[in-house]
Amino acid sequence: MPRAVAINVGANTNAPGVRGPIYPDGRFEFVPIPEEAPTGESVPTYADLSLDTDLPAASADAPVHLDPEFAEYPECERYTYGDPHGVKARPLLDLREGDYALFYATLTARGDPEREWISPDWGAYLVGQFRLARDPVPGDAYADLPRDERETFRNNAHVKREEFDAAVLLAGDDRESGLYETAVPLSSAEQGSEANRVVTDLSSDSGKGPWWRRPMKFDADATAELLELVENGFE
């Protein structure tokens, strides 16, 4: 049975200065972080993404770090993810083909919520997933991959950097990967910084401290229950 790891991604109040929105019906807009490293080839800007989110005025022409890459998202081709930080890379490298990488983001509530589970002001929400199409690739093994296997990652943000820096690369299966239409809450309905049962009961995390910044592991049983919430909705 598959296992899962959930990691924090996307815009926040530090970069680019705002979070993506979650709308009253539970839909959301995923906003990537800015690209802060030199790139070896052209990358999209926020203006290229035609976002609904109100970004800081100076951000329109800023290059974006499109990672994770969701095939259905503007300027993306496949389902890939790379990360240079050991705190995220280590649990991801423990996954295997058929396991899940889950992505969560902090989002700001827009309008009056129609869903009871939407946190006031801001909260953490699952926004997408990869069903891994292959075992994770350690960063130091990427250069030795056959050319056709490296091609999978050609549009990944870390591959486009002047200096490749990913400690792990993931590739998602086209049929079971993607952004969700409706977010799945990790925060309580009362407060964004308070974890709900997905975190405290299903994941490896205690839900104490800044849990919304940490990777979370889900064993096989917890993963099955979590995927049911994704499929049927959190109510």
Protein backbone atom coordinates (compact mmCIF):
# COMPACT_ATOMS: atom_id res chain seq x y z
CA MET A 1 0.00 0.00 0.00
CA PRO A 2 1.29 3.48 -0.85
CA ARG A 3 2.63 5.95 1.68
CA ALA A 4 2.80 9.74 1.40
CA VAL A 5 4.84 12.78 2.37
CA ALA A 6 3.32 16.27 2.42
CA ILE A 7 5.51 19.36 2.03
CA ASN A 8 4.92 23.10 2.09
CA VAL A 9 5.14 24.94 -1.23
CA GLY A 10 3.95 28.14 -2.85
CA ALA A 11 3.72 31.84 -2.13
CA ASN A 12 3.80 33.23 1.38
CA THR A 13 4.04 36.56 3.16
CA ASN A 14 7.83 36.56 2.76
CA ALA A 15 8.01 35.67 -0.93
CA PRO A 16 6.49 37.34 -2.89
CA GLY A 17 4.76 39.05 0.05
CA VAL A 18 1.25 37.60 -0.26
CA ARG A 19 -0.37 34.19 -0.08
CA GLY A 20 -2.58 32.72 -2.75
CA PRO A 21 -6.33 33.00 -2.12
CA ILE A 22 -8.84 30.38 -1.05
CA TYR A 23 -12.31 31.28 -2.30
CA PRO A 24 -15.60 30.89 -0.37
CA ASP A 25 -16.44 27.57 -2.08
CA GLY A 26 -13.06 26.00 -1.28
CA ARG A 27 -11.46 26.53 -4.67
CA PHE A 28 -8.11 28.31 -4.65
CA GLU A 29 -5.38 29.80 -6.80
CA PHE A 30 -1.89 28.35 -6.52
CA VAL A 31 0.80 31.02 -6.62
CA PRO A 32 4.47 30.01 -6.95
CA ILE A 33 7.34 31.71 -5.15
CA PRO A 34 9.72 34.02 -7.02
CA GLU A 35 12.90 32.61 -8.55
CA GLU A 36 15.78 33.92 -6.47
CA ALA A 37 18.70 32.09 -8.11
CA PRO A 38 20.35 32.87 -11.46
CA THR A 39 18.90 30.81 -14.30
CA GLY A 40 20.62 29.39 -17.34
CA GLU A 41 17.60 29.94 -19.57
CA SER A 42 14.51 32.11 -19.70
CA VAL A 43 11.82 31.46 -17.09
CA PRO A 44 8.26 32.84 -16.86
CA THR A 45 7.34 35.93 -14.86
CA TYR A 46 4.29 36.46 -12.68
CA ALA A 47 2.78 38.47 -15.55
CA ASP A 48 2.94 35.37 -17.76
CA LEU A 49 0.71 33.45 -15.34
CA SER A 50 -2.33 35.80 -15.55
CA LEU A 51 -3.06 35.37 -11.86
CA ASP A 52 -6.15 36.59 -10.03
CA THR A 53 -4.04 37.21 -6.91
CA ASP A 54 -3.14 40.82 -6.11
CA LEU A 55 0.66 40.76 -6.07
CA PRO A 56 3.00 43.52 -4.89
CA ALA A 57 3.42 46.04 -7.70
CA ALA A 58 7.09 45.24 -8.20
CA SER A 59 6.40 41.53 -8.68
CA ALA A 60 4.78 41.56 -12.12
CA ASP A 61 8.03 41.21 -14.02
CA ALA A 62 9.75 39.03 -11.43
CA PRO A 63 10.72 35.53 -12.61
CA VAL A 64 8.87 32.68 -10.92
CA HIS A 65 10.12 29.41 -9.46
CA LEU A 66 7.59 27.01 -11.02
CA ASP A 67 8.10 24.16 -8.59
CA PRO A 68 6.19 21.95 -8.17
CA GLU A 69 5.44 21.80 -11.87
CA PHE A 70 1.83 20.81 -12.60
CA ALA A 71 1.16 20.01 -16.27
CA GLU A 72 -2.18 21.86 -16.25
CA TYR A 73 -0.66 25.05 -14.79
CA PRO A 74 0.47 27.91 -17.08
CA GLU A 75 4.00 27.50 -18.50
CA CYS A 76 4.29 23.91 -17.19
CA GLU A 77 4.73 20.68 -19.16
CA ARG A 78 4.86 17.72 -16.79
CA TYR A 79 4.56 16.80 -13.14
CA THR A 80 7.98 17.39 -11.58
CA TYR A 81 9.36 18.66 -8.31
CA GLY A 82 12.85 19.36 -7.05
CA ASP A 83 14.16 20.50 -3.69
CA PRO A 84 17.65 21.47 -2.51
CA HIS A 85 16.94 21.31 1.22
CA GLY A 86 17.68 18.17 3.19
CA VAL A 87 14.76 18.64 5.57
CA LYS A 88 12.38 18.05 2.65
CA ALA A 89 14.61 15.93 0.44
CA ARG A 90 15.28 13.22 3.04
CA PRO A 91 11.65 12.13 3.60
CA LEU A 92 10.92 12.42 -0.12
CA LEU A 93 13.87 10.17 -0.97
CA ASP A 94 12.33 7.49 1.26
CA LEU A 95 9.31 7.26 -1.05
CA ARG A 96 9.08 4.77 -3.90
CA GLU A 97 7.30 4.51 -7.24
CA GLY A 98 3.55 4.45 -6.58
CA ASP A 99 3.79 6.46 -3.36
CA TYR A 100 2.43 10.01 -3.09
CA ALA A 101 4.04 13.41 -2.74
CA LEU A 102 1.41 15.81 -1.42
CA PHE A 103 1.76 19.57 -1.62
CA TYR A 104 0.26 22.05 0.81
CA ALA A 105 0.27 25.84 0.85
CA THR A 106 -0.82 28.60 3.17
CA LEU A 107 -3.75 30.47 1.64
CA THR A 108 -5.62 33.64 2.59
CA ALA A 109 -9.42 33.52 2.85
CA ARG A 110 -11.19 35.71 0.31
CA GLY A 111 -14.81 36.70 0.90
CA ASP A 112 -17.24 35.06 3.32
CA PRO A 113 -16.56 31.31 3.52
CA GLU A 114 -19.30 28.94 2.34
CA ARG A 115 -17.35 25.93 3.62
CA GLU A 116 -17.26 25.55 7.40
CA TRP A 117 -13.71 24.23 7.32
CA ILE A 118 -12.13 27.38 5.84
CA SER A 119 -9.96 29.11 8.44
CA PRO A 120 -10.46 32.81 9.16
CA ASP A 121 -7.76 35.03 7.66
CA TRP A 122 -5.30 32.28 6.58
CA GLY A 123 -4.77 28.54 6.85
CA ALA A 124 -2.75 25.62 5.50
CA TYR A 125 -4.37 23.45 2.82
CA LEU A 126 -3.44 20.53 0.62
CA VAL A 127 -3.51 21.82 -2.95
CA GLY A 128 -2.18 18.98 -5.12
CA GLN A 129 -0.46 15.63 -5.40
CA PHE A 130 1.93 13.47 -7.40
CA ARG A 131 1.55 9.72 -7.67
CA LEU A 132 5.20 8.92 -8.24
CA ALA A 133 5.91 7.54 -11.70
CA ARG A 134 9.38 6.38 -10.63
CA ASP A 135 11.53 6.20 -7.53
CA PRO A 136 12.80 9.62 -6.44
CA VAL A 137 16.05 10.66 -8.09
CA PRO A 138 18.82 11.80 -5.71
CA GLY A 139 20.30 15.06 -6.92
CA ASP A 140 23.77 13.62 -7.32
CA ALA A 141 22.38 10.90 -9.61
CA TYR A 142 20.61 13.23 -12.04
CA ALA A 143 23.59 13.87 -14.33
CA ASP A 144 24.11 10.14 -14.81
CA LEU A 145 20.54 9.43 -15.92
CA PRO A 146 20.04 8.36 -19.54
CA ARG A 147 19.20 11.32 -21.74
CA ASP A 148 15.56 10.29 -22.21
CA GLU A 149 15.09 10.10 -18.43
CA ARG A 150 16.68 13.52 -17.89
CA GLU A 151 14.26 14.87 -20.50
CA THR A 152 11.40 14.31 -18.03
CA PHE A 153 12.83 17.07 -15.86
CA ARG A 154 13.80 19.55 -18.59
CA ASN A 155 11.26 22.16 -17.49
CA ASN A 156 11.88 21.82 -13.77
CA ALA A 157 12.96 25.03 -12.07
CA HIS A 158 16.09 23.50 -10.52
CA VAL A 159 17.23 22.12 -13.86
CA LYS A 160 16.84 25.60 -15.36
CA ARG A 161 19.09 27.21 -12.76
CA GLU A 162 22.63 28.12 -13.76
CA GLU A 163 23.82 25.66 -11.15
CA PHE A 164 21.68 22.57 -10.69
CA ASP A 165 21.03 22.36 -6.95
CA ALA A 166 18.26 19.82 -6.32
CA ALA A 167 18.90 17.20 -3.65
CA VAL A 168 15.89 15.25 -4.93
CA LEU A 169 13.79 15.17 -8.10
CA LEU A 170 10.29 13.72 -8.35
CA ALA A 171 8.24 12.79 -11.42
CA GLY A 172 4.48 12.32 -11.15
CA ASP A 173 2.29 9.95 -13.12
CA ASP A 174 0.10 11.89 -15.58
CA ARG A 175 -3.08 10.03 -14.63
CA GLU A 176 -2.93 10.42 -10.85
CA SER A 177 -1.15 13.73 -10.38
CA GLY A 178 -2.42 17.28 -10.42
CA LEU A 179 -3.69 20.35 -8.64
CA TYR A 180 -6.90 19.81 -6.71
CA GLU A 181 -10.07 21.66 -7.63
CA THR A 182 -10.95 22.04 -3.96
CA ALA A 183 -8.41 22.45 -1.19
CA VAL A 184 -8.21 20.01 1.73
CA PRO A 185 -7.71 21.80 5.07
CA LEU A 186 -4.85 21.07 7.43
CA SER A 187 -5.71 24.00 9.72
CA SER A 188 -8.67 24.05 12.07
CA ALA A 189 -11.76 26.06 11.21
CA GLU A 190 -11.04 28.31 14.18
CA GLN A 191 -7.45 29.37 13.55
CA GLY A 192 -4.90 28.93 10.77
CA SER A 193 -2.04 28.16 13.14
CA GLU A 194 -4.05 25.38 14.83
CA ALA A 195 -3.67 21.96 13.18
CA ASN A 196 -6.72 19.81 12.46
CA ARG A 197 -7.00 16.03 12.74
CA VAL A 198 -5.34 15.38 9.36
CA VAL A 199 -2.13 16.65 10.94
CA THR A 200 -2.54 15.49 14.54
CA ASP A 201 -4.21 12.09 13.95
CA LEU A 202 -3.02 10.97 10.52
CA SER A 203 0.44 12.46 10.03
CA SER A 204 3.75 12.05 11.82
CA ASP A 205 3.63 15.67 12.98
CA SER A 206 2.60 16.73 16.48
CA GLY A 207 0.79 19.83 15.25
CA LYS A 208 2.75 21.92 17.75
CA GLY A 209 4.82 24.97 16.89
CA PRO A 210 5.05 26.06 13.23
CA TRP A 211 3.79 22.74 11.91
CA TRP A 212 2.66 24.38 8.63
CA ARG A 213 6.29 24.70 7.55
CA ARG A 214 7.32 21.10 8.19
CA PRO A 215 7.21 17.92 6.07
CA MET A 216 4.60 15.40 7.23
CA LYS A 217 4.75 11.65 6.74
CA PHE A 218 1.66 9.44 6.33
CA ASP A 219 1.80 5.66 6.69
CA ALA A 220 -0.19 3.38 4.40
CA ASP A 221 -3.41 3.43 6.43
CA ALA A 222 -3.27 7.19 6.95
CA THR A 223 -2.57 7.73 3.25
CA ALA A 224 -5.63 5.69 2.30
CA GLU A 225 -7.81 7.74 4.65
CA LEU A 226 -6.34 11.00 3.41
CA LEU A 227 -6.92 10.10 -0.23
CA GLU A 228 -10.57 9.45 0.62
CA LEU A 229 -10.79 13.00 1.98
CA VAL A 230 -9.28 14.29 -1.25
CA GLU A 231 -11.76 12.26 -3.31
CA ASN A 232 -14.90 12.88 -1.27
CA GLY A 233 -14.18 16.23 0.37
CA PHE A 234 -13.52 17.34 3.93
CA GLU A 235 -16.77 17.89 5.77
